[in-house]
Amino acid sequence: MDIFSLIKQDHQEVASLFRQLRDAKGSRQTCEQLFTQLKEALELHSHAEEQVFYPALEEADVTEEMVEEALEDHQLVAELLDELTTTPKGSAEWDEKIEILEENVQEHVEEEESDIFDAAHQLLSAADAAELAERWQTVKQEQMARHGK
């Protein structure tokens, strides 16, 4: 298992939660449960990327700009998640914001899985990618433990 597979796994989980949220339109309770899962998944993923993946890339100047952009994406996603937390689930405003969030996350994922991964593949050896995967899992477990999950 390498860092790229783990990141893709998270991306697929998030995409699946967005799909389920679209299907759950109209059911407030289901929306709330799914949103809670989505928020946790995105926050955990962002945290792990910021602690493990991005620092490994920042050491190489090539990706500095990409990493900065990705961090800005994370900031925007965090702001949207905060807004959604207080927006009544199932309202028109909620639907609109979820859509904006999904678009932002999709763009981020595409950027990451193409440009950033391409650069990272050139910079990281297979051993590096495997070691980062271990650190990634540790960071996520620690974060989950800290939040009592």
Protein backbone atom coordinates (compact mmCIF):
# COMPACT_ATOMS: atom_id res chain seq x y z
CA MET A 1 0.00 0.00 0.00
CA ASP A 2 1.44 3.38 -0.93
CA ILE A 3 0.42 6.94 -0.18
CA PHE A 4 -1.22 7.37 -3.60
CA SER A 5 -3.59 4.42 -3.07
CA LEU A 6 -4.58 5.70 0.37
CA ILE A 7 -5.33 9.19 -0.92
CA LYS A 8 -7.37 7.76 -3.81
CA GLN A 9 -9.29 5.57 -1.36
CA ASP A 10 -10.28 8.65 0.62
CA HIS A 11 -11.26 10.48 -2.57
CA GLN A 12 -13.52 7.57 -3.56
CA GLU A 13 -15.11 7.47 -0.11
CA VAL A 14 -15.86 11.20 -0.28
CA ALA A 15 -17.29 10.92 -3.83
CA SER A 16 -19.53 8.11 -2.63
CA LEU A 17 -20.79 10.23 0.30
CA PHE A 18 -21.61 13.08 -2.08
CA ARG A 19 -23.59 10.64 -4.25
CA GLN A 20 -25.49 9.37 -1.22
CA LEU A 21 -26.23 12.94 -0.15
CA ARG A 22 -27.67 13.71 -3.58
CA ASP A 23 -29.86 10.60 -3.33
CA ALA A 24 -30.99 11.55 0.19
CA LYS A 25 -32.35 14.95 -0.84
CA GLY A 26 -35.49 15.64 1.10
CA SER A 27 -34.65 13.37 4.02
CA ARG A 28 -33.27 15.69 6.68
CA GLN A 29 -32.17 12.96 9.05
CA THR A 30 -30.26 11.01 6.40
CA CYS A 31 -28.72 14.26 5.15
CA GLU A 32 -27.51 15.10 8.63
CA GLN A 33 -25.95 11.66 9.18
CA LEU A 34 -24.26 11.66 5.78
CA PHE A 35 -23.06 15.23 6.20
CA THR A 36 -21.49 14.34 9.55
CA GLN A 37 -19.64 11.44 7.87
CA LEU A 38 -18.61 13.65 4.95
CA LYS A 39 -17.36 16.43 7.22
CA GLU A 40 -15.30 13.97 9.28
CA ALA A 41 -13.89 12.29 6.18
CA LEU A 42 -12.88 15.60 4.59
CA GLU A 43 -11.40 17.01 7.80
CA LEU A 44 -9.44 13.84 8.48
CA HIS A 45 -8.21 13.68 4.90
CA SER A 46 -7.14 17.34 4.88
CA HIS A 47 -5.38 16.92 8.21
CA ALA A 48 -3.44 13.87 7.01
CA GLU A 49 -2.46 15.57 3.74
CA GLU A 50 -1.26 18.65 5.60
CA GLN A 51 0.72 16.61 8.14
CA VAL A 52 2.18 13.93 5.87
CA PHE A 53 1.80 14.31 2.11
CA TYR A 54 2.28 18.03 1.50
CA PRO A 55 5.35 18.45 3.74
CA ALA A 56 7.02 15.61 1.83
CA LEU A 57 6.33 17.46 -1.41
CA GLU A 58 7.24 20.91 -0.13
CA GLU A 59 10.81 19.78 0.35
CA ALA A 60 11.04 19.73 -3.42
CA ASP A 61 10.63 23.24 -4.86
CA VAL A 62 8.93 21.87 -7.97
CA THR A 63 5.63 21.40 -6.21
CA GLU A 64 5.61 24.43 -3.92
CA GLU A 65 3.01 26.29 -5.98
CA MET A 66 0.82 23.20 -6.31
CA VAL A 67 0.93 22.62 -2.57
CA GLU A 68 0.03 26.25 -1.84
CA GLU A 69 -2.94 25.97 -4.18
CA ALA A 70 -4.02 22.69 -2.58
CA LEU A 71 -3.83 24.27 0.87
CA GLU A 72 -6.02 27.12 -0.35
CA ASP A 73 -8.51 24.50 -1.57
CA HIS A 74 -8.50 22.93 1.89
CA GLN A 75 -9.16 26.32 3.47
CA LEU A 76 -12.13 26.92 1.18
CA VAL A 77 -13.54 23.44 1.87
CA ALA A 78 -13.19 24.04 5.63
CA GLU A 79 -15.10 27.33 5.32
CA LEU A 80 -17.87 25.70 3.28
CA LEU A 81 -18.13 22.85 5.81
CA ASP A 82 -18.51 25.41 8.61
CA GLU A 83 -21.25 27.21 6.70
CA LEU A 84 -23.04 23.94 5.93
CA THR A 85 -22.93 22.93 9.58
CA THR A 86 -25.21 25.83 10.45
CA THR A 87 -27.36 25.75 7.29
CA PRO A 88 -30.73 23.98 7.70
CA LYS A 89 -30.38 20.56 6.07
CA GLY A 90 -32.63 20.07 3.09
CA SER A 91 -33.19 23.80 2.48
CA ALA A 92 -32.55 25.33 -0.95
CA GLU A 93 -29.53 27.12 0.50
CA TRP A 94 -28.21 23.77 1.79
CA ASP A 95 -28.60 22.11 -1.64
CA GLU A 96 -26.78 25.00 -3.27
CA LYS A 97 -23.88 24.95 -0.80
CA ILE A 98 -23.47 21.18 -0.97
CA GLU A 99 -23.23 21.50 -4.75
CA ILE A 100 -20.53 24.19 -4.45
CA LEU A 101 -18.65 22.05 -1.94
CA GLU A 102 -18.82 19.01 -4.22
CA GLU A 103 -17.55 21.02 -7.20
CA ASN A 104 -14.65 22.37 -5.16
CA VAL A 105 -13.74 18.96 -3.82
CA GLN A 106 -13.94 17.40 -7.30
CA GLU A 107 -11.65 20.06 -8.77
CA HIS A 108 -9.19 19.56 -5.93
CA VAL A 109 -9.24 15.77 -6.40
CA GLU A 110 -8.66 16.07 -10.16
CA GLU A 111 -5.76 18.48 -9.64
CA GLU A 112 -4.27 16.25 -6.98
CA GLU A 113 -4.62 12.96 -8.83
CA SER A 114 -3.11 14.40 -12.00
CA ASP A 115 -0.59 17.22 -11.53
CA ILE A 116 0.36 16.67 -7.89
CA PHE A 117 0.56 12.87 -8.19
CA ASP A 118 2.63 13.19 -11.38
CA ALA A 119 5.11 15.47 -9.63
CA ALA A 120 5.12 13.30 -6.51
CA HIS A 121 5.79 10.13 -8.52
CA GLN A 122 8.93 11.78 -9.87
CA LEU A 123 10.07 12.96 -6.43
CA LEU A 124 9.23 9.98 -4.23
CA SER A 125 10.75 6.54 -4.45
CA ALA A 126 8.52 3.49 -3.90
CA ALA A 127 10.04 3.21 -0.42
CA ASP A 128 9.20 6.86 0.32
CA ALA A 129 5.61 6.33 -0.88
CA ALA A 130 5.26 3.26 1.35
CA GLU A 131 6.73 5.05 4.37
CA LEU A 132 4.41 8.03 3.82
CA ALA A 133 1.48 5.59 3.69
CA GLU A 134 2.41 4.29 7.15
CA ARG A 135 2.73 7.80 8.55
CA TRP A 136 -0.58 8.72 6.88
CA GLN A 137 -2.40 5.89 8.64
CA THR A 138 -0.79 6.74 11.98
CA VAL A 139 -1.74 10.42 11.69
CA LYS A 140 -5.33 9.53 10.81
CA GLN A 141 -5.60 7.07 13.71
CA GLU A 142 -4.17 9.62 16.16
CA GLN A 143 -6.58 12.27 14.90
CA MET A 144 -9.54 9.89 15.21
CA ALA A 145 -8.47 8.92 18.74
CA ARG A 146 -8.14 12.58 19.66
CA HIS A 147 -11.73 13.18 18.53
CA GLY A 148 -13.05 10.04 20.18
CA LYS A 149 -14.06 8.30 16.96
